C-alpha atoms as a PDB file:
ATOM      1  CA  MET A   1      96.105 100.167 103.169  1.00  0.00           C
ATOM      2  CA  GLN A   2      98.328  96.843 103.213  1.00  0.00           C
ATOM      3  CA  HIS A   3     101.946  97.866 103.149  1.00  0.00           C
ATOM      4  CA  THR A   4     103.099  95.293 100.350  1.00  0.00           C
ATOM      5  CA  PHE A   5     105.320  95.824  97.467  1.00  0.00           C
ATOM      6  CA  LEU A   6     102.799  97.405  94.984  1.00  0.00           C
ATOM      7  CA  THR A   7     102.154 100.114  97.308  1.00  0.00           C
ATOM      8  CA  GLN A   8     105.983 101.316  96.688  1.00  0.00           C
ATOM      9  CA  ILE A   9     106.193 101.534  93.329  1.00  0.00           C
ATOM     10  CA  ASN A  10     106.216 104.210  91.386  1.00  0.00           C
ATOM     11  CA  PRO A  11     102.246 105.532  91.123  1.00  0.00           C
ATOM     12  CA  LEU A  12     102.574 106.817  88.069  1.00  0.00           C
ATOM     13  CA  LEU A  13     104.396 103.482  86.385  1.00  0.00           C
ATOM     14  CA  LYS A  14     101.277 101.797  87.578  1.00  0.00           C
ATOM     15  CA  ILE A  15      98.957 103.630  86.461  1.00  0.00           C
ATOM     16  CA  ILE A  16     100.542 103.424  82.647  1.00  0.00           C
ATOM     17  CA  THR A  17     100.945  99.300  84.067  1.00  0.00           C
ATOM     18  CA  SER A  18      96.880  99.161  83.920  1.00  0.00           C
ATOM     19  CA  ILE A  19      95.991 101.246  80.909  1.00  0.00           C
ATOM     20  CA  THR A  20      98.314  99.188  79.111  1.00  0.00           C
ATOM     21  CA  ILE A  21      97.393  95.589  80.603  1.00  0.00           C
ATOM     22  CA  LEU A  22      93.799  97.112  79.832  1.00  0.00           C
ATOM     23  CA  SER A  23      94.383  97.622  76.166  1.00  0.00           C
ATOM     24  CA  ILE A  24      96.353  94.602  75.895  1.00  0.00           C
ATOM     25  CA  ALA A  25      93.513  92.690  77.342  1.00  0.00           C
ATOM     26  CA  LEU A  26      91.123  94.030  74.740  1.00  0.00           C
ATOM     27  CA  ILE A  27      92.965  92.692  71.707  1.00  0.00           C
ATOM     28  CA  LEU A  28      94.047  89.363  72.704  1.00  0.00           C
ATOM     29  CA  ASP A  29      92.549  86.522  70.573  1.00  0.00           C
ATOM     30  CA  ASN A  30      94.143  83.735  72.438  1.00  0.00           C
ATOM     31  CA  ILE A  31      92.800  82.206  75.089  1.00  0.00           C
ATOM     32  CA  TRP A  32      96.332  80.641  76.505  1.00  0.00           C
ATOM     33  CA  ALA A  33      97.914  83.774  75.956  1.00  0.00           C
ATOM     34  CA  ILE A  34      94.590  86.120  78.144  1.00  0.00           C
ATOM     35  CA  THR A  35      95.024  83.341  81.155  1.00  0.00           C
ATOM     36  CA  VAL A  36      99.505  84.057  81.391  1.00  0.00           C
ATOM     37  CA  LEU A  37      97.482  87.681  81.867  1.00  0.00           C
ATOM     38  CA  VAL A  38      95.335  87.196  84.156  1.00  0.00           C
ATOM     39  CA  LEU A  39      97.390  83.929  86.598  1.00  0.00           C
ATOM     40  CA  PRO A  40      99.901  87.292  87.576  1.00  0.00           C
ATOM     41  CA  LEU A  41      96.854  89.597  88.031  1.00  0.00           C
ATOM     42  CA  LEU A  42      95.009  87.265  90.262  1.00  0.00           C
ATOM     43  CA  LEU A  43      97.239  86.886  92.503  1.00  0.00           C
ATOM     44  CA  LEU A  44      98.543  90.135  92.771  1.00  0.00           C
ATOM     45  CA  VAL A  45      95.141  90.441  94.010  1.00  0.00           C
ATOM     46  CA  LEU A  46      95.560  87.624  96.915  1.00  0.00           C
ATOM     47  CA  ILE A  47      98.715  89.331  98.190  1.00  0.00           C
ATOM     48  CA  SER A  48      97.953  92.792  97.660  1.00  0.00           C
ATOM     49  CA  VAL A  49      94.440  93.554  98.352  1.00  0.00           C
ATOM     50  CA  ARG A  50      92.481  92.926 101.764  1.00  0.00           C
ATOM     51  CA  ILE A  51      89.749  91.061  99.976  1.00  0.00           C
ATOM     52  CA  ASN A  52      85.795  91.206 101.322  1.00  0.00           C
ATOM     53  CA  LEU A  53      84.209  87.626 100.999  1.00  0.00           C
ATOM     54  CA  LYS A  54      81.013  89.357 100.572  1.00  0.00           C
ATOM     55  CA  ILE A  55      82.322  91.556  97.773  1.00  0.00           C
ATOM     56  CA  LEU A  56      83.678  88.299  96.804  1.00  0.00           C
ATOM     57  CA  GLY A  57      81.368  85.867  96.440  1.00  0.00           C
ATOM     58  CA  TYR A  58      78.636  88.799  94.235  1.00  0.00           C
ATOM     59  CA  VAL A  59      81.572  88.729  92.147  1.00  0.00           C
ATOM     60  CA  SER A  60      81.988  85.114  91.799  1.00  0.00           C
ATOM     61  CA  ILE A  61      78.436  84.528  90.909  1.00  0.00           C
ATOM     62  CA  SER A  62      78.223  87.287  88.296  1.00  0.00           C
ATOM     63  CA  LEU A  63      80.964  86.037  85.993  1.00  0.00           C
ATOM     64  CA  PHE A  64      79.367  82.554  86.895  1.00  0.00           C
ATOM     65  CA  LEU A  65      76.762  83.456  85.308  1.00  0.00           C
ATOM     66  CA  PHE A  66      77.989  85.132  83.192  1.00  0.00           C
ATOM     67  CA  MET A  67      79.988  82.249  81.642  1.00  0.00           C
ATOM     68  CA  VAL A  68      76.374  80.271  81.910  1.00  0.00           C
ATOM     69  CA  VAL A  69      75.207  83.303  79.015  1.00  0.00           C
ATOM     70  CA  SER A  70      78.492  83.447  76.876  1.00  0.00           C
ATOM     71  CA  THR A  71      78.149  79.590  77.010  1.00  0.00           C
ATOM     72  CA  TRP A  72      74.521  79.473  76.123  1.00  0.00           C
ATOM     73  CA  LEU A  73      74.135  82.321  73.254  1.00  0.00           C
ATOM     74  CA  ARG A  74      77.771  80.859  71.366  1.00  0.00           C
ATOM     75  CA  ASP A  75      79.951  77.977  72.950  1.00  0.00           C
ATOM     76  CA  PHE A  76      82.159  76.736  75.771  1.00  0.00           C
ATOM     77  CA  ASP A  77      85.088  78.395  74.754  1.00  0.00           C
ATOM     78  CA  THR A  78      83.816  81.645  73.904  1.00  0.00           C
ATOM     79  CA  SER A  79      82.543  81.461  77.394  1.00  0.00           C
ATOM     80  CA  VAL A  80      85.636  81.160  79.559  1.00  0.00           C
ATOM     81  CA  PHE A  81      87.483  83.237  76.873  1.00  0.00           C
ATOM     82  CA  SER A  82      84.880  86.154  77.463  1.00  0.00           C
ATOM     83  CA  THR A  83      85.243  85.886  80.924  1.00  0.00           C
ATOM     84  CA  LEU A  84      89.063  85.490  80.752  1.00  0.00           C
ATOM     85  CA  ARG A  85      89.090  89.277  79.326  1.00  0.00           C
ATOM     86  CA  LEU A  86      86.473  90.493  81.362  1.00  0.00           C
ATOM     87  CA  VAL A  87      88.480  89.756  84.506  1.00  0.00           C
ATOM     88  CA  ALA A  88      92.000  91.247  82.748  1.00  0.00           C
ATOM     89  CA  ILE A  89      89.876  93.984  82.114  1.00  0.00           C
ATOM     90  CA  MET A  90      88.227  94.484  85.834  1.00  0.00           C
ATOM     91  CA  LEU A  91      91.597  92.958  88.310  1.00  0.00           C
ATOM     92  CA  PRO A  92      94.005  96.322  87.225  1.00  0.00           C
ATOM     93  CA  THR A  93      91.030  98.571  89.022  1.00  0.00           C
ATOM     94  CA  PRO A  94      91.514  96.941  92.314  1.00  0.00           C
ATOM     95  CA  LEU A  95      94.643  97.106  92.363  1.00  0.00           C
ATOM     96  CA  LEU A  96      95.500 100.559  91.480  1.00  0.00           C
ATOM     97  CA  ALA A  97      92.671 101.596  93.926  1.00  0.00           C
ATOM     98  CA  SER A  98      93.848  99.538  97.039  1.00  0.00           C
ATOM     99  CA  THR A  99      97.728  99.878  96.521  1.00  0.00           C
ATOM    100  CA  THR A 100      97.644 103.896  95.772  1.00  0.00           C
ATOM    101  CA  SER A 101      97.192 106.647  98.286  1.00  0.00           C
ATOM    102  CA  PRO A 102      95.008 110.100  97.104  1.00  0.00           C
ATOM    103  CA  SER A 103      98.810 111.428  98.022  1.00  0.00           C
ATOM    104  CA  ASP A 104     100.551 109.471  95.982  1.00  0.00           C
ATOM    105  CA  LEU A 105      97.840 109.545  92.890  1.00  0.00           C
ATOM    106  CA  ILE A 106      97.913 113.479  92.831  1.00  0.00           C
ATOM    107  CA  ARG A 107     101.444 112.971  92.697  1.00  0.00           C
ATOM    108  CA  ALA A 108     101.218 110.930  89.668  1.00  0.00           C
ATOM    109  CA  LEU A 109      98.559 113.071  88.016  1.00  0.00           C
ATOM    110  CA  GLN A 110     100.857 116.027  88.505  1.00  0.00           C
ATOM    111  CA  ALA A 111     103.143 114.999  87.210  1.00  0.00           C
ATOM    112  CA  THR A 112     101.599 114.645  84.314  1.00  0.00           C
ATOM    113  CA  ARG A 113     101.274 117.952  83.755  1.00  0.00           C
ATOM    114  CA  LEU A 114      97.860 117.962  83.454  1.00  0.00           C
ATOM    115  CA  PRO A 115      95.733 121.638  83.668  1.00  0.00           C
ATOM    116  CA  SER A 116      94.738 121.911  87.671  1.00  0.00           C
ATOM    117  CA  PHE A 117      91.468 121.630  87.504  1.00  0.00           C
ATOM    118  CA  LEU A 118      91.049 118.835  86.185  1.00  0.00           C
ATOM    119  CA  THR A 119      93.675 117.228  88.597  1.00  0.00           C
ATOM    120  CA  LEU A 120      91.467 118.853  91.253  1.00  0.00           C
ATOM    121  CA  SER A 121      88.485 117.369  90.019  1.00  0.00           C
ATOM    122  CA  LEU A 122      89.995 113.881  90.306  1.00  0.00           C
ATOM    123  CA  MET A 123      91.332 114.344  93.574  1.00  0.00           C
ATOM    124  CA  LEU A 124      87.832 115.523  94.854  1.00  0.00           C
ATOM    125  CA  ILE A 125      85.982 112.196  92.911  1.00  0.00           C
ATOM    126  CA  TRP A 126      88.803 109.588  94.496  1.00  0.00           C
ATOM    127  CA  ARG A 127      88.590 111.965  98.080  1.00  0.00           C
ATOM    128  CA  PHE A 128      84.757 111.245  98.578  1.00  0.00           C
ATOM    129  CA  LEU A 129      83.908 108.335  96.648  1.00  0.00           C
ATOM    130  CA  PRO A 130      84.093 106.351 100.410  1.00  0.00           C
ATOM    131  CA  ILE A 131      82.204 109.227 101.106  1.00  0.00           C
ATOM    132  CA  ILE A 132      79.315 108.631  99.422  1.00  0.00           C
ATOM    133  CA  GLN A 133      79.624 105.185  99.713  1.00  0.00           C
ATOM    134  CA  GLN A 134      78.851 105.603 103.617  1.00  0.00           C
ATOM    135  CA  GLU A 135      76.600 108.398 102.741  1.00  0.00           C
ATOM    136  CA  THR A 136      74.368 104.838 100.546  1.00  0.00           C
ATOM    137  CA  GLN A 137      74.501 102.878 103.914  1.00  0.00           C
ATOM    138  CA  ARG A 138      73.235 105.689 106.230  1.00  0.00           C
ATOM    139  CA  ILE A 139      70.032 105.752 103.746  1.00  0.00           C
ATOM    140  CA  LEU A 140      69.579 102.461 103.379  1.00  0.00           C
ATOM    141  CA  GLU A 141      69.914 102.188 107.176  1.00  0.00           C
ATOM    142  CA  ALA A 142      67.694 105.210 107.629  1.00  0.00           C
ATOM    143  CA  ASN A 143      64.830 103.512 105.477  1.00  0.00           C
ATOM    144  CA  GLN A 144      65.120 100.003 107.482  1.00  0.00           C
ATOM    145  CA  LEU A 145      64.133 102.089 110.523  1.00  0.00           C
ATOM    146  CA  ARG A 146      61.207 102.730 108.780  1.00  0.00           C
ATOM    147  CA  GLY A 147      60.257 100.408 107.916  1.00  0.00           C
ATOM    148  CA  VAL A 148      61.561  99.735 104.073  1.00  0.00           C
ATOM    149  CA  ASP A 149      63.999  97.810 103.067  1.00  0.00           C
ATOM    150  CA  LEU A 150      65.148  98.901  99.671  1.00  0.00           C
ATOM    151  CA  LYS A 151      66.936  95.858  98.859  1.00  0.00           C
ATOM    152  CA  PHE A 152      63.965  94.296  98.036  1.00  0.00           C
ATOM    153  CA  GLN A 153      62.059  96.679  96.562  1.00  0.00           C
ATOM    154  CA  PRO A 154      63.576  98.183  93.799  1.00  0.00           C
ATOM    155  CA  GLN A 155      60.690 100.115  92.852  1.00  0.00           C
ATOM    156  CA  GLN A 156      61.836 102.281  95.997  1.00  0.00           C
ATOM    157  CA  TRP A 157      65.190 103.055  94.516  1.00  0.00           C
ATOM    158  CA  PHE A 158      64.496 106.307  93.323  1.00  0.00           C
ATOM    159  CA  SER A 159      62.554 107.933  95.464  1.00  0.00           C
ATOM    160  CA  GLY A 160      64.403 106.137  98.484  1.00  0.00           C
ATOM    161  CA  LEU A 161      68.239 106.084  97.530  1.00  0.00           C
ATOM    162  CA  PHE A 162      68.904 107.755  94.788  1.00  0.00           C
ATOM    163  CA  ILE A 163      66.868 111.798  95.473  1.00  0.00           C
ATOM    164  CA  PRO A 164      68.298 111.653  99.021  1.00  0.00           C
ATOM    165  CA  LEU A 165      71.697 110.527  97.705  1.00  0.00           C
ATOM    166  CA  MET A 166      72.202 113.100  95.098  1.00  0.00           C
ATOM    167  CA  PHE A 167      70.705 115.897  98.337  1.00  0.00           C
ATOM    168  CA  ARG A 168      73.541 114.536  99.506  1.00  0.00           C
ATOM    169  CA  ILE A 169      75.771 114.786  96.853  1.00  0.00           C
ATOM    170  CA  VAL A 170      75.957 118.645  95.815  1.00  0.00           C
ATOM    171  CA  ALA A 171      75.160 119.633  99.817  1.00  0.00           C
ATOM    172  CA  TYR A 172      78.934 117.839  99.899  1.00  0.00           C
ATOM    173  CA  ALA A 173      80.266 119.482  96.652  1.00  0.00           C
ATOM    174  CA  ASP A 174      78.690 122.764  98.176  1.00  0.00           C
ATOM    175  CA  ASP A 175      80.446 122.280 101.330  1.00  0.00           C
ATOM    176  CA  VAL A 176      83.848 122.125  99.031  1.00  0.00           C
ATOM    177  CA  THR A 177      83.417 124.764  97.229  1.00  0.00           C
ATOM    178  CA  VAL A 178      82.966 127.490  99.578  1.00  0.00           C
ATOM    179  CA  GLY A 179      85.917 126.117 101.800  1.00  0.00           C
ATOM    180  CA  LEU A 180      88.543 126.295  98.588  1.00  0.00           C
ATOM    181  CA  GLU A 181      86.676 129.561  98.470  1.00  0.00           C
ATOM    182  CA  THR A 182      87.374 130.799 102.057  1.00  0.00           C
ATOM    183  CA  ARG A 183      90.907 129.725 101.960  1.00  0.00           C
ATOM    184  CA  GLY A 184      91.886 131.209  98.430  1.00  0.00           C
ATOM    185  CA  TYR A 185      92.494 128.468  96.209  1.00  0.00           C
ATOM    186  CA  ASP A 186      93.819 129.138  92.662  1.00  0.00           C
ATOM    187  CA  PRO A 187      93.908 125.835  90.488  1.00  0.00           C
ATOM    188  CA  GLN A 188      96.813 128.546  88.593  1.00  0.00           C
ATOM    189  CA  ALA A 189      99.043 129.050  91.007  1.00  0.00           C
ATOM    190  CA  PRO A 190     102.574 127.550  91.651  1.00  0.00           C
ATOM    191  CA  ARG A 191     102.591 124.982  93.641  1.00  0.00           C
ATOM    192  CA  SER A 192     105.752 122.636  94.888  1.00  0.00           C
ATOM    193  CA  ASN A 193     106.086 118.712  96.089  1.00  0.00           C
ATOM    194  CA  SER A 194     107.327 117.760  99.299  1.00  0.00           C
ATOM    195  CA  LYS A 195     107.387 114.045  98.243  1.00  0.00           C
ATOM    196  CA  PRO A 196     108.412 114.471  94.253  1.00  0.00           C
ATOM    197  CA  LEU A 197     108.263 110.959  92.582  1.00  0.00           C
ATOM    198  CA  ARG A 198     111.257 109.406  91.591  1.00  0.00           C
ATOM    199  CA  TRP A 199     112.358 106.489  89.969  1.00  0.00           C
ATOM    200  CA  GLN A 200     113.300 103.347  92.354  1.00  0.00           C
ATOM    201  CA  LEU A 201     115.008 100.497  92.728  1.00  0.00           C
ATOM    202  CA  GLN A 202     111.407  98.290  92.841  1.00  0.00           C
ATOM    203  CA  ASP A 203     110.136 100.681  89.864  1.00  0.00           C
ATOM    204  CA  THR A 204     112.558  98.930  87.876  1.00  0.00           C
ATOM    205  CA  ILE A 205     111.971  95.198  89.286  1.00  0.00           C
ATOM    206  CA  PHE A 206     108.532  95.847  88.458  1.00  0.00           C
ATOM    207  CA  THR A 207     108.921  97.224  84.867  1.00  0.00           C
ATOM    208  CA  LEU A 208     111.502  94.056  84.044  1.00  0.00           C
ATOM    209  CA  SER A 209     108.599  91.495  85.432  1.00  0.00           C
ATOM    210  CA  THR A 210     106.100  93.084  83.524  1.00  0.00           C
ATOM    211  CA  THR A 211     107.819  93.960  80.432  1.00  0.00           C
ATOM    212  CA  VAL A 212     108.290  90.313  80.532  1.00  0.00           C
ATOM    213  CA  MET A 213     105.119  89.112  81.496  1.00  0.00           C
ATOM    214  CA  LEU A 214     103.347  91.254  78.568  1.00  0.00           C
ATOM    215  CA  ALA A 215     106.637  89.701  76.170  1.00  0.00           C
ATOM    216  CA  VAL A 216     105.489  86.064  77.127  1.00  0.00           C
ATOM    217  CA  VAL A 217     101.699  86.935  76.719  1.00  0.00           C
ATOM    218  CA  GLY A 218     102.984  88.868  72.718  1.00  0.00           C
ATOM    219  CA  TYR A 219     104.336  85.905  71.635  1.00  0.00           C
ATOM    220  CA  ILE A 220     101.557  83.289  72.836  1.00  0.00           C
ATOM    221  CA  GLU A 221      99.397  85.740  70.776  1.00  0.00           C
ATOM    222  CA  LEU A 222     101.319  85.924  67.771  1.00  0.00           C
ATOM    223  CA  PHE A 223     103.145  82.259  67.616  1.00  0.00           C
ATOM    224  CA  VAL A 224     101.087  79.510  69.478  1.00  0.00           C
END
């Protein structure tokens, strides 16, 4: 994880901001307002996220195809607006994921007073997503060694990829369950935190900057 300004921001504040941006992106109707919303997000992604060129290529091609189909179904202005809205909906997630460590995410969820079982479930999902990705890559490589390239044989995806992956996931879930039981995990037991969330100067700066940006977006939406 790159150490940037966003990594120092209160994780709960980042979660609230992401949800707010997603909600606003869904209700905007002005193309200039959605543009003003997208540009700062793109800038933050370029500064804070280590971009994989291969993934960037896939995303760019997908957005281009989406824009072409939208233009064919409606018109060019509508396709541009729909593409910008899609980008505004997509960007907060990689920003949050790449600038928030699992421990910070758990601290933020605990600060919201969510039930312990729900916090544990979200923590395990967050923790095992990279492992699932690694297992998927291993299964693909194992099939390639047997002379089966699943990338070009989608008819083999169910038996060659999804079934083995489901068995791996179930095995990992069983290991986690046994580990929690042997360590006497009690979801209802009180817990302390060595690093409680604190409001700092950079959180105030981030909040003010975000408020100004959203105010500009709202003004453009209502009066331009």
